[in-house]
Amino acid sequence: MIHLKQTIKDLAKKYSNEFIDIRHHLHANPELSYEEFETSAFIQKKLQAFDIPYQVMATTGVVGVIEGNNPSSRTIALRADIDALPIIEENDISYKSTKKGIMHACGHDVHTTCLLGAAKILKETAAEWNGTVKLIFQPGEERNPGGASIMIKEGVLQNPAPQAIFGLHVHPQLPIGQLSFRGGQVMASADEIYITIKGKGGHAAAPHLTVDTILIASTLIVSLQQIVSRNNNPLSPSVLSICSIQGGHTTNVIPSEVKLMGTFRALDEKWRFKAHELIKKQATELVRAMGAEIDVLIDVGYPSVYNHEELTAASRKLAEDYMGTEHVETTEVRMGAEDFGYYTQQIPGCFYRLGVMNEEKGITSGVHTPTFNIDESAIEIGIGMMAWLGANGKL
């Protein structure tokens, strides 16, 4: 095991520049969710070069398999997401996005690079570890219904069936050289809320002859906040945010229709669906009591991410062995969402964080921002750690 660890570290260092170049290519050529055709072709080409068999799933997803000694003794999966976001990049870098309005602003180019690097190392060291490693390059993490749900429906967790799954995510608030892990609930569910309020519009000078949809919408937005504050256990994090209000086009006309959009997030799955019913009931009754009609749609999105306690504890120990105890921290609970939660509903999973921040270099921007970037020395760490988990991770 000591020899394998050093071999993985040596190979990660040896190949780091090669995979930084791969990251540059991916970053310069981002593609939106479910449109990752060039990215998928690039991944397939790399797996072919590494002599790793693969199949295509969910149109643009790619699944490879690497067998070590005694392949049936253990099967684990390593997952990376491959899609980008509709964001205009503002970074002044040589590998800036060449696709107008599309950017790898969430680090999926890094995730894909790390999994490709781990795949190359695991293939070269296959004689030194036991079991089978399944490589999951997944599309559509950024958009409902979530590529993970589609991959699962198409059988990604079968033939062979992994006993556990690992995924990494860049963490722009975690310093370079650090990893972080947390067992239990680690990320929230995410559901989309769409509300349309309808009533008789008219002249703003005669509100008594109209149904004031703007006022009703405003009252509803304030009222909805009480659903979380008065019904949810305050020790269980939950967020309801209305993020868009659309209605009206001028100063003196009360519109006949106002649209609201927002998000609901929770760590507790039971509370999550109870809250859905409360939102629908409160919105419907309040709006109708004020004289308007209402349509409420809650688009059920990603489940919360639950890190299997035993698997995560064992994985943290592997990380401490590989990196040193001082380089492994505890991940904070986050209300952001990840469709990795679909996998953790099916099999034990561990979703961990890779530090990419470097304040001295000015690399501090958060994900989903037009200036997001990473300290690329994280590539060597990400490749090595994922290969190390691939070779040793198990429940």
Protein backbone atom coordinates (compact mmCIF):
# COMPACT_ATOMS: atom_id res chain seq x y z
CA MET A 1 0.00 0.00 0.00
CA ILE A 2 2.89 2.35 0.79
CA HIS A 3 4.48 1.54 -2.57
CA LEU A 4 1.18 2.14 -4.40
CA LYS A 5 0.69 5.47 -2.66
CA GLN A 6 4.11 6.69 -3.74
CA THR A 7 3.55 5.40 -7.27
CA ILE A 8 0.28 7.32 -7.53
CA LYS A 9 1.91 10.48 -6.19
CA ASP A 10 4.79 10.15 -8.64
CA LEU A 11 2.45 9.59 -11.59
CA ALA A 12 0.18 12.48 -10.57
CA LYS A 13 3.21 14.77 -10.51
CA LYS A 14 4.56 13.35 -13.77
CA TYR A 15 1.28 13.87 -15.60
CA SER A 16 0.21 17.14 -13.96
CA ASN A 17 1.25 19.38 -16.87
CA GLU A 18 -0.45 17.07 -19.37
CA PHE A 19 -3.70 17.30 -17.47
CA ILE A 20 -3.45 21.02 -16.88
CA ASP A 21 -3.39 21.26 -20.68
CA ILE A 22 -6.47 19.03 -20.80
CA ARG A 23 -8.19 21.32 -18.32
CA HIS A 24 -7.32 24.30 -20.53
CA HIS A 25 -8.88 22.58 -23.53
CA LEU A 26 -12.06 21.76 -21.62
CA HIS A 27 -12.27 25.25 -20.14
CA ALA A 28 -11.89 26.89 -23.55
CA ASN A 29 -14.58 24.67 -25.05
CA PRO A 30 -17.49 24.57 -22.59
CA GLU A 31 -20.90 23.17 -23.45
CA LEU A 32 -24.27 23.58 -21.76
CA SER A 33 -26.19 20.81 -20.01
CA TYR A 34 -27.26 17.95 -22.29
CA GLU A 35 -25.35 19.53 -25.19
CA GLU A 36 -21.87 18.23 -24.27
CA PHE A 37 -21.22 16.52 -27.59
CA GLU A 38 -17.66 17.78 -28.16
CA THR A 39 -16.77 17.19 -24.52
CA SER A 40 -18.11 13.64 -24.69
CA ALA A 41 -16.14 12.93 -27.88
CA PHE A 42 -12.99 14.32 -26.23
CA ILE A 43 -13.44 12.06 -23.18
CA GLN A 44 -14.02 9.03 -25.40
CA LYS A 45 -10.85 9.80 -27.34
CA LYS A 46 -8.83 10.01 -24.14
CA LEU A 47 -10.22 6.74 -22.77
CA GLN A 48 -9.36 5.06 -26.06
CA ALA A 49 -5.80 6.39 -25.75
CA PHE A 50 -5.62 4.99 -22.20
CA ASP A 51 -6.92 1.61 -23.47
CA ILE A 52 -9.97 1.81 -21.20
CA PRO A 53 -13.22 0.29 -22.50
CA TYR A 54 -16.27 2.50 -22.27
CA GLN A 55 -19.86 2.98 -23.33
CA VAL A 56 -21.99 6.06 -24.00
CA MET A 57 -25.07 6.65 -21.87
CA ALA A 58 -27.64 9.45 -21.61
CA THR A 59 -26.55 10.67 -25.07
CA THR A 60 -23.41 12.50 -23.92
CA GLY A 61 -22.42 10.59 -20.79
CA VAL A 62 -19.43 8.25 -20.88
CA VAL A 63 -18.86 5.27 -18.58
CA GLY A 64 -15.51 3.48 -18.48
CA VAL A 65 -14.42 0.39 -16.56
CA ILE A 66 -10.96 -0.48 -15.23
CA GLU A 67 -10.30 -3.92 -13.77
CA GLY A 68 -7.56 -4.56 -11.24
CA ASN A 69 -6.65 -7.85 -9.58
CA ASN A 70 -9.62 -10.07 -8.65
CA PRO A 71 -12.13 -7.73 -10.38
CA SER A 72 -15.21 -9.16 -8.65
CA SER A 73 -13.88 -8.53 -5.14
CA ARG A 74 -14.86 -4.86 -5.03
CA THR A 75 -16.53 -2.37 -7.38
CA ILE A 76 -16.56 1.36 -6.74
CA ALA A 77 -17.54 4.28 -8.95
CA LEU A 78 -15.79 7.61 -9.48
CA ARG A 79 -17.96 10.39 -10.88
CA ALA A 80 -17.30 13.73 -12.60
CA ASP A 81 -19.81 16.15 -14.15
CA ILE A 82 -18.98 17.60 -17.58
CA ASP A 83 -21.41 20.47 -18.34
CA ALA A 84 -20.90 24.25 -18.13
CA LEU A 85 -23.03 27.30 -17.30
CA PRO A 86 -24.64 30.12 -19.33
CA ILE A 87 -22.22 32.77 -18.02
CA ILE A 88 -20.02 35.24 -19.94
CA GLU A 89 -16.44 34.72 -18.77
CA GLU A 90 -14.51 37.79 -17.63
CA ASN A 91 -11.15 36.17 -16.90
CA ASP A 92 -8.16 37.42 -18.92
CA ILE A 93 -6.50 34.05 -19.52
CA SER A 94 -5.06 32.23 -22.53
CA TYR A 95 -7.63 29.44 -22.20
CA LYS A 96 -10.66 31.72 -21.83
CA SER A 97 -13.96 30.30 -23.08
CA THR A 98 -14.31 30.41 -26.84
CA LYS A 99 -18.08 29.84 -26.62
CA LYS A 100 -19.93 33.14 -26.24
CA GLY A 101 -22.05 33.19 -23.12
CA ILE A 102 -20.89 29.76 -21.89
CA MET A 103 -18.31 29.17 -19.18
CA HIS A 104 -17.00 26.44 -16.90
CA ALA A 105 -17.82 28.58 -13.88
CA CYS A 106 -18.50 25.67 -11.52
CA GLY A 107 -15.28 23.73 -12.03
CA HIS A 108 -16.69 20.82 -14.01
CA ASP A 109 -13.70 21.12 -16.35
CA VAL A 110 -11.53 20.45 -13.29
CA HIS A 111 -13.69 17.52 -12.17
CA THR A 112 -13.51 15.94 -15.62
CA THR A 113 -9.76 16.50 -15.79
CA CYS A 114 -9.22 14.89 -12.39
CA LEU A 115 -11.24 11.82 -13.33
CA LEU A 116 -9.40 11.45 -16.64
CA GLY A 117 -6.08 11.74 -14.79
CA ALA A 118 -7.16 9.23 -12.17
CA ALA A 119 -8.28 6.89 -14.95
CA LYS A 120 -4.86 6.99 -16.59
CA ILE A 121 -3.09 6.30 -13.29
CA LEU A 122 -5.47 3.52 -12.26
CA LYS A 123 -5.05 1.83 -15.63
CA GLU A 124 -1.26 1.94 -15.34
CA THR A 125 -1.32 0.62 -11.77
CA ALA A 126 -4.08 -1.98 -12.24
CA ALA A 127 -1.73 -4.81 -11.25
CA GLU A 128 -1.23 -3.18 -7.85
CA TRP A 129 -4.83 -2.91 -6.57
CA ASN A 130 -7.88 -5.16 -6.26
CA GLY A 131 -11.35 -4.83 -7.68
CA THR A 132 -13.07 -2.81 -10.40
CA VAL A 133 -13.36 0.94 -10.83
CA LYS A 134 -16.24 2.43 -12.80
CA LEU A 135 -15.63 5.88 -14.31
CA ILE A 136 -18.77 8.02 -14.66
CA PHE A 137 -18.51 11.15 -16.81
CA GLN A 138 -21.97 12.59 -16.30
CA PRO A 139 -23.82 15.27 -18.32
CA GLY A 140 -26.36 17.79 -17.16
CA GLU A 141 -25.57 18.41 -13.50
CA GLU A 142 -26.57 22.07 -13.76
CA ARG A 143 -30.11 21.57 -15.04
CA ASN A 144 -33.20 19.62 -14.05
CA PRO A 145 -33.86 16.75 -14.05
CA GLY A 146 -30.14 16.26 -13.45
CA GLY A 147 -27.95 14.01 -15.56
CA ALA A 148 -27.41 11.68 -12.61
CA SER A 149 -31.11 10.74 -12.60
CA ILE A 150 -30.95 9.92 -16.31
CA MET A 151 -27.74 7.90 -15.97
CA ILE A 152 -29.28 5.89 -13.12
CA LYS A 153 -32.41 5.16 -15.18
CA GLU A 154 -30.19 3.93 -18.01
CA GLY A 155 -28.36 1.53 -15.69
CA VAL A 156 -25.12 3.27 -14.71
CA LEU A 157 -25.25 1.60 -11.29
CA GLN A 158 -25.51 -1.86 -12.82
CA ASN A 159 -23.22 -4.25 -14.72
CA PRO A 160 -21.08 -4.07 -12.67
CA ALA A 161 -22.93 -2.66 -9.69
CA PRO A 162 -20.71 -0.44 -7.52
CA GLN A 163 -20.90 -0.82 -3.75
CA ALA A 164 -19.95 2.84 -3.29
CA ILE A 165 -19.50 6.04 -5.28
CA PHE A 166 -17.12 8.99 -4.88
CA GLY A 167 -17.35 12.48 -6.32
CA LEU A 168 -15.26 15.62 -5.87
CA HIS A 169 -16.09 19.29 -6.19
CA VAL A 170 -13.80 22.30 -6.30
CA HIS A 171 -14.10 24.56 -3.26
CA PRO A 172 -13.06 28.19 -3.92
CA GLN A 173 -13.16 29.02 -0.19
CA LEU A 174 -10.79 26.16 0.69
CA PRO A 175 -7.06 26.92 0.33
CA ILE A 176 -4.94 25.09 -2.20
CA GLY A 177 -3.41 21.94 -0.76
CA GLN A 178 -6.47 21.12 1.34
CA LEU A 179 -9.27 18.57 1.07
CA SER A 180 -12.46 18.45 3.11
CA PHE A 181 -14.91 15.71 4.06
CA ARG A 182 -18.14 15.50 6.05
CA GLY A 183 -20.37 12.56 6.91
CA GLY A 184 -24.16 12.74 6.94
CA GLN A 185 -26.23 15.49 5.29
CA VAL A 186 -23.82 17.74 3.46
CA MET A 187 -25.85 19.53 0.75
CA ALA A 188 -29.49 20.52 0.37
CA SER A 189 -32.26 19.46 -1.95
CA ALA A 190 -33.28 22.02 -4.57
CA ASP A 191 -36.78 22.54 -5.96
CA GLU A 192 -37.96 25.27 -8.33
CA ILE A 193 -41.07 27.34 -7.59
CA TYR A 194 -43.17 28.93 -10.34
CA ILE A 195 -46.22 31.04 -9.39
CA THR A 196 -48.53 32.98 -11.70
CA ILE A 197 -51.03 35.46 -10.20
CA LYS A 198 -53.87 36.57 -12.46
CA GLY A 199 -56.49 39.29 -12.05
CA LYS A 200 -58.29 42.15 -13.76
CA GLY A 201 -55.75 44.80 -14.71
CA GLY A 202 -56.48 48.46 -15.24
CA HIS A 203 -55.56 52.07 -14.62
CA ALA A 204 -53.35 52.69 -11.60
CA ALA A 205 -55.45 55.72 -10.69
CA ALA A 206 -58.47 53.46 -10.16
CA PRO A 207 -57.18 50.48 -8.17
CA HIS A 208 -60.71 49.80 -6.83
CA LEU A 209 -61.70 48.71 -10.33
CA THR A 210 -58.81 46.24 -10.62
CA VAL A 211 -57.27 43.26 -8.88
CA ASP A 212 -53.86 44.57 -7.85
CA THR A 213 -51.62 41.66 -8.81
CA ILE A 214 -48.47 43.57 -7.83
CA LEU A 215 -49.71 44.16 -4.29
CA ILE A 216 -50.93 40.59 -4.01
CA ALA A 217 -47.58 39.26 -5.21
CA SER A 218 -45.76 41.45 -2.69
CA THR A 219 -47.97 40.24 0.15
CA LEU A 220 -47.46 36.63 -0.92
CA ILE A 221 -43.66 36.95 -1.02
CA VAL A 222 -43.59 38.21 2.57
CA SER A 223 -46.12 35.64 3.71
CA LEU A 224 -44.23 32.69 2.23
CA GLN A 225 -41.24 33.39 4.50
CA GLN A 226 -43.36 32.34 7.48
CA ILE A 227 -43.57 28.81 6.12
CA VAL A 228 -39.93 28.20 7.02
CA SER A 229 -39.74 30.39 10.12
CA ARG A 230 -42.97 29.11 11.73
CA ASN A 231 -43.22 25.49 10.53
CA ASN A 232 -39.70 24.10 10.17
CA ASN A 233 -37.55 22.87 13.03
CA PRO A 234 -35.06 25.75 13.44
CA LEU A 235 -32.28 23.22 13.99
CA SER A 236 -32.80 21.85 10.46
CA PRO A 237 -31.56 24.29 7.77
CA SER A 238 -34.07 25.28 5.09
CA VAL A 239 -34.31 28.17 2.64
CA LEU A 240 -37.19 29.60 0.60
CA SER A 241 -36.15 32.41 -1.75
CA ILE A 242 -38.28 34.18 -4.33
CA CYS A 243 -35.73 35.35 -6.88
CA SER A 244 -37.79 36.81 -9.70
CA ILE A 245 -40.92 38.98 -9.97
CA GLN A 246 -42.16 39.82 -13.45
CA GLY A 247 -45.21 41.93 -14.18
CA GLY A 248 -46.12 45.30 -15.53
CA HIS A 249 -44.40 47.52 -18.10
CA THR A 250 -45.20 51.09 -17.16
CA THR A 251 -45.95 53.46 -14.27
CA ASN A 252 -49.72 53.78 -14.53
CA VAL A 253 -51.11 50.35 -15.41
CA ILE A 254 -51.80 47.58 -12.91
CA PRO A 255 -50.92 44.38 -14.81
CA SER A 256 -53.32 41.50 -15.21
CA GLU A 257 -50.58 38.97 -14.53
CA VAL A 258 -47.50 38.68 -12.31
CA LYS A 259 -45.06 35.79 -12.35
CA LEU A 260 -42.84 34.75 -9.45
CA MET A 261 -39.95 32.31 -9.55
CA GLY A 262 -37.90 30.98 -6.67
CA THR A 263 -36.18 28.06 -5.01
CA PHE A 264 -36.84 25.90 -1.96
CA ARG A 265 -34.03 24.01 -0.25
CA ALA A 266 -33.88 21.61 2.67
CA LEU A 267 -31.69 18.98 4.28
CA ASP A 268 -34.62 16.95 5.67
CA GLU A 269 -36.45 15.06 2.92
CA LYS A 270 -39.62 14.60 5.02
CA TRP A 271 -39.85 18.34 5.75
CA ARG A 272 -39.05 19.07 2.11
CA PHE A 273 -42.28 17.55 0.81
CA LYS A 274 -44.37 18.80 3.73
CA ALA A 275 -43.16 22.31 2.84
CA HIS A 276 -44.25 21.83 -0.77
CA GLU A 277 -47.83 21.30 0.39
CA LEU A 278 -47.66 24.29 2.74
CA ILE A 279 -46.37 26.54 -0.05
CA LYS A 280 -49.16 25.47 -2.40
CA LYS A 281 -51.87 25.80 0.26
CA GLN A 282 -50.75 29.17 1.63
CA ALA A 283 -50.17 30.71 -1.79
CA THR A 284 -53.48 29.51 -3.18
CA GLU A 285 -55.61 30.56 -0.23
CA LEU A 286 -53.97 33.96 0.26
CA VAL A 287 -54.13 34.94 -3.39
CA ARG A 288 -57.75 33.84 -3.79
CA ALA A 289 -58.70 35.64 -0.58
CA MET A 290 -57.32 38.83 -2.16
CA GLY A 291 -59.45 38.35 -5.26
CA ALA A 292 -57.01 36.87 -7.77
CA GLU A 293 -56.44 33.50 -9.38
CA ILE A 294 -53.22 31.56 -9.05
CA ASP A 295 -51.24 28.75 -10.65
CA VAL A 296 -48.54 27.12 -8.52
CA LEU A 297 -45.94 24.72 -9.88
CA ILE A 298 -43.18 23.18 -7.78
CA ASP A 299 -40.70 21.45 -10.04
CA VAL A 300 -39.13 18.78 -7.82
CA GLY A 301 -35.39 18.86 -8.34
CA TYR A 302 -32.34 17.27 -6.79
CA PRO A 303 -32.51 15.43 -3.47
CA SER A 304 -30.19 16.33 -0.63
CA VAL A 305 -26.69 14.87 -0.67
CA TYR A 306 -26.10 12.36 2.12
CA ASN A 307 -22.55 11.19 2.70
CA HIS A 308 -22.54 7.68 4.11
CA GLU A 309 -21.01 8.04 7.57
CA GLU A 310 -18.85 4.90 7.57
CA LEU A 311 -17.69 5.32 3.97
CA THR A 312 -16.84 8.99 4.51
CA ALA A 313 -14.92 8.27 7.72
CA ALA A 314 -12.87 5.62 5.94
CA SER A 315 -12.31 7.92 2.96
CA ARG A 316 -11.14 10.73 5.23
CA LYS A 317 -8.58 8.38 6.75
CA LEU A 318 -7.37 7.51 3.26
CA ALA A 319 -7.10 11.22 2.49
CA GLU A 320 -5.14 11.84 5.70
CA ASP A 321 -2.81 8.99 4.80
CA TYR A 322 -2.30 10.38 1.29
CA MET A 323 -2.16 14.11 2.08
CA GLY A 324 -1.24 14.30 5.76
CA THR A 325 -3.71 14.97 8.57
CA GLU A 326 -3.05 18.71 8.52
CA HIS A 327 -4.28 18.92 4.92
CA VAL A 328 -7.71 17.39 5.56
CA GLU A 329 -10.54 19.49 6.99
CA THR A 330 -14.24 19.13 7.75
CA THR A 331 -16.63 20.37 5.07
CA GLU A 332 -19.32 22.78 6.21
CA VAL A 333 -22.98 22.01 5.50
CA ARG A 334 -24.02 23.89 2.36
CA MET A 335 -27.47 24.85 1.08
CA GLY A 336 -26.26 24.52 -2.48
CA ALA A 337 -27.47 21.46 -4.36
CA GLU A 338 -25.87 18.69 -6.40
CA ASP A 339 -27.46 15.90 -8.38
CA PHE A 340 -24.88 13.59 -6.80
CA GLY A 341 -27.70 13.23 -4.27
CA TYR A 342 -29.46 10.85 -6.67
CA TYR A 343 -26.53 8.42 -6.39
CA THR A 344 -26.49 8.64 -2.59
CA GLN A 345 -30.17 7.65 -2.54
CA GLN A 346 -29.21 4.40 -4.27
CA ILE A 347 -25.81 3.40 -2.86
CA PRO A 348 -23.35 4.66 -0.21
CA GLY A 349 -21.62 7.80 -1.44
CA CYS A 350 -18.90 10.24 -0.45
CA PHE A 351 -18.83 13.74 -1.94
CA TYR A 352 -15.68 15.60 -0.94
CA ARG A 353 -14.09 18.99 -1.64
CA LEU A 354 -10.86 20.00 -3.37
CA GLY A 355 -9.28 23.29 -2.29
CA VAL A 356 -8.52 25.63 -5.21
CA MET A 357 -8.20 29.05 -3.55
CA ASN A 358 -4.94 31.02 -3.55
CA GLU A 359 -5.29 34.47 -2.02
CA GLU A 360 -1.71 35.45 -2.89
CA LYS A 361 -2.48 34.91 -6.58
CA GLY A 362 -5.88 36.59 -6.31
CA ILE A 363 -7.73 33.35 -6.99
CA THR A 364 -10.73 33.79 -4.71
CA SER A 365 -13.85 34.07 -6.87
CA GLY A 366 -16.75 31.80 -6.06
CA VAL A 367 -18.37 29.28 -8.34
CA HIS A 368 -21.08 30.51 -10.74
CA THR A 369 -19.30 33.84 -11.14
CA PRO A 370 -17.73 35.20 -14.38
CA THR A 371 -14.28 35.39 -12.74
CA PHE A 372 -14.14 31.90 -11.23
CA ASN A 373 -10.79 30.16 -11.68
CA ILE A 374 -8.48 27.83 -9.75
CA ASP A 375 -4.90 27.48 -8.64
CA GLU A 376 -3.98 24.75 -11.10
CA SER A 377 -1.62 22.99 -8.70
CA ALA A 378 -4.93 21.53 -7.48
CA ILE A 379 -4.95 19.33 -10.59
CA GLU A 380 -2.09 17.18 -9.33
CA ILE A 381 -3.78 16.80 -5.95
CA GLY A 382 -7.19 16.07 -7.47
CA ILE A 383 -5.84 13.44 -9.86
CA GLY A 384 -3.82 11.69 -7.19
CA MET A 385 -6.51 11.68 -4.52
CA MET A 386 -9.16 10.35 -6.87
CA ALA A 387 -6.82 7.59 -8.04
CA TRP A 388 -5.99 6.76 -4.42
CA LEU A 389 -9.69 6.45 -3.55
CA GLY A 390 -10.25 4.41 -6.69
CA ALA A 391 -7.55 1.96 -5.70
CA ASN A 392 -8.51 1.70 -2.01
CA GLY A 393 -11.96 3.15 -1.36
CA LYS A 394 -14.59 0.80 -0.09
CA LEU A 395 -17.43 0.54 2.41
